[in-house]
Amino acid sequence: MNVLNNPNLGSQQTLTRDDKEYGTFPHVIIINDPQMKFKGQRTICFDEFTKQAAPADIDLREKDIPRILITK
């Protein structure tokens, strides 16, 4: 997710998958969405969230990307 209205929340990342580069985005975060509420949505709005620690088995390509859980 590229967070535009809260630039302090994310970090700049170049996103790639299968060796294909999709671009560099200035405010990237990972949203924990276990119920897949936001699957397929191009944009979402949220106000309340908690920052989460990186898991121990994190993919090294994601180590500098902040993670959040939307609480409302």
C-alpha atoms as a PDB file:
ATOM      1  CA  MET A   1       0.000   0.000   0.000  1.00  0.00           C
ATOM      2  CA  ASN A   2       1.343   3.457  -0.872  1.00  0.00           C
ATOM      3  CA  VAL A   3       0.158   5.847   1.859  1.00  0.00           C
ATOM      4  CA  LEU A   4      -0.176   9.335   0.416  1.00  0.00           C
ATOM      5  CA  ASN A   5      -1.788  11.342   3.219  1.00  0.00           C
ATOM      6  CA  ASN A   6       0.570  10.269   6.034  1.00  0.00           C
ATOM      7  CA  PRO A   7       4.114  10.369   4.629  1.00  0.00           C
ATOM      8  CA  ASN A   8       5.715   9.605   8.006  1.00  0.00           C
ATOM      9  CA  LEU A   9       4.020   6.219   8.103  1.00  0.00           C
ATOM     10  CA  GLY A  10       5.706   4.518   5.131  1.00  0.00           C
ATOM     11  CA  SER A  11       9.135   4.156   3.583  1.00  0.00           C
ATOM     12  CA  GLN A  12      10.321   4.527  -0.010  1.00  0.00           C
ATOM     13  CA  GLN A  13      10.477   1.188  -1.790  1.00  0.00           C
ATOM     14  CA  THR A  14      10.992  -0.136  -5.296  1.00  0.00           C
ATOM     15  CA  LEU A  15       8.502  -2.949  -5.692  1.00  0.00           C
ATOM     16  CA  THR A  16       9.382  -5.993  -7.804  1.00  0.00           C
ATOM     17  CA  ARG A  17       7.855  -9.408  -8.357  1.00  0.00           C
ATOM     18  CA  ASP A  18       9.334 -12.237 -10.405  1.00  0.00           C
ATOM     19  CA  ASP A  19      12.200  -9.912 -11.357  1.00  0.00           C
ATOM     20  CA  LYS A  20       9.789  -7.372 -12.896  1.00  0.00           C
ATOM     21  CA  GLU A  21       9.974  -3.846 -11.480  1.00  0.00           C
ATOM     22  CA  TYR A  22       6.623  -2.154 -10.869  1.00  0.00           C
ATOM     23  CA  GLY A  23       7.980   1.223  -9.813  1.00  0.00           C
ATOM     24  CA  THR A  24       9.292   3.191  -6.869  1.00  0.00           C
ATOM     25  CA  PHE A  25       6.736   4.433  -4.379  1.00  0.00           C
ATOM     26  CA  PRO A  26       7.500   7.020  -1.678  1.00  0.00           C
ATOM     27  CA  HIS A  27       5.305   5.862   1.246  1.00  0.00           C
ATOM     28  CA  VAL A  28       4.942   2.061   1.267  1.00  0.00           C
ATOM     29  CA  ILE A  29       3.445   0.070   4.164  1.00  0.00           C
ATOM     30  CA  ILE A  30       2.263  -3.512   4.587  1.00  0.00           C
ATOM     31  CA  ILE A  31      -1.278  -3.845   5.942  1.00  0.00           C
ATOM     32  CA  ASN A  32      -2.124  -6.928   7.965  1.00  0.00           C
ATOM     33  CA  ASP A  33      -5.486  -7.996   6.482  1.00  0.00           C
ATOM     34  CA  PRO A  34      -6.060 -11.628   7.556  1.00  0.00           C
ATOM     35  CA  GLN A  35      -9.799 -11.483   6.732  1.00  0.00           C
ATOM     36  CA  MET A  36      -9.001 -10.061   3.275  1.00  0.00           C
ATOM     37  CA  LYS A  37     -11.427  -7.150   3.796  1.00  0.00           C
ATOM     38  CA  PHE A  38      -9.495  -4.964   1.371  1.00  0.00           C
ATOM     39  CA  LYS A  39      -8.634  -7.547  -1.307  1.00  0.00           C
ATOM     40  CA  GLY A  40      -8.965  -6.120  -4.794  1.00  0.00           C
ATOM     41  CA  GLN A  41      -9.501  -2.535  -3.655  1.00  0.00           C
ATOM     42  CA  ARG A  42      -7.387   0.051  -5.397  1.00  0.00           C
ATOM     43  CA  THR A  43      -7.722   2.585  -2.549  1.00  0.00           C
ATOM     44  CA  ILE A  44      -8.831   2.384   1.073  1.00  0.00           C
ATOM     45  CA  CYS A  45      -9.366   4.948   3.825  1.00  0.00           C
ATOM     46  CA  PHE A  46      -8.551   4.354   7.478  1.00  0.00           C
ATOM     47  CA  ASP A  47      -7.918   6.453  10.559  1.00  0.00           C
ATOM     48  CA  GLU A  48      -7.154   4.008  13.343  1.00  0.00           C
ATOM     49  CA  PHE A  49      -4.295   1.530  13.184  1.00  0.00           C
ATOM     50  CA  THR A  50      -1.545  -0.007  15.265  1.00  0.00           C
ATOM     51  CA  LYS A  51       2.045  -0.416  14.168  1.00  0.00           C
ATOM     52  CA  GLN A  52       3.326  -3.977  14.262  1.00  0.00           C
ATOM     53  CA  ALA A  53       6.771  -5.432  14.719  1.00  0.00           C
ATOM     54  CA  ALA A  54       8.324  -7.327  11.833  1.00  0.00           C
ATOM     55  CA  PRO A  55       7.917 -11.093  12.130  1.00  0.00           C
ATOM     56  CA  ALA A  56      10.971 -13.218  12.836  1.00  0.00           C
ATOM     57  CA  ASP A  57      10.748 -15.036   9.500  1.00  0.00           C
ATOM     58  CA  ILE A  58      10.430 -11.867   7.413  1.00  0.00           C
ATOM     59  CA  ASP A  59      11.307 -11.823   3.719  1.00  0.00           C
ATOM     60  CA  LEU A  60      14.521  -9.782   3.498  1.00  0.00           C
ATOM     61  CA  ARG A  61      13.029  -7.718   0.661  1.00  0.00           C
ATOM     62  CA  GLU A  62      10.381  -6.482   3.126  1.00  0.00           C
ATOM     63  CA  LYS A  63      12.603  -5.800   6.144  1.00  0.00           C
ATOM     64  CA  ASP A  64      12.418  -1.992   5.894  1.00  0.00           C
ATOM     65  CA  ILE A  65       8.690  -1.756   5.150  1.00  0.00           C
ATOM     66  CA  PRO A  66       6.541  -0.712   8.138  1.00  0.00           C
ATOM     67  CA  ARG A  67       3.598  -2.979   9.003  1.00  0.00           C
ATOM     68  CA  ILE A  68       0.240  -1.946  10.411  1.00  0.00           C
ATOM     69  CA  LEU A  69      -3.057  -3.486  11.486  1.00  0.00           C
ATOM     70  CA  ILE A  70      -6.152  -1.401  10.771  1.00  0.00           C
ATOM     71  CA  THR A  71      -8.296  -1.336  13.898  1.00  0.00           C
ATOM     72  CA  LYS A  72     -11.433   0.335  12.483  1.00  0.00           C
END
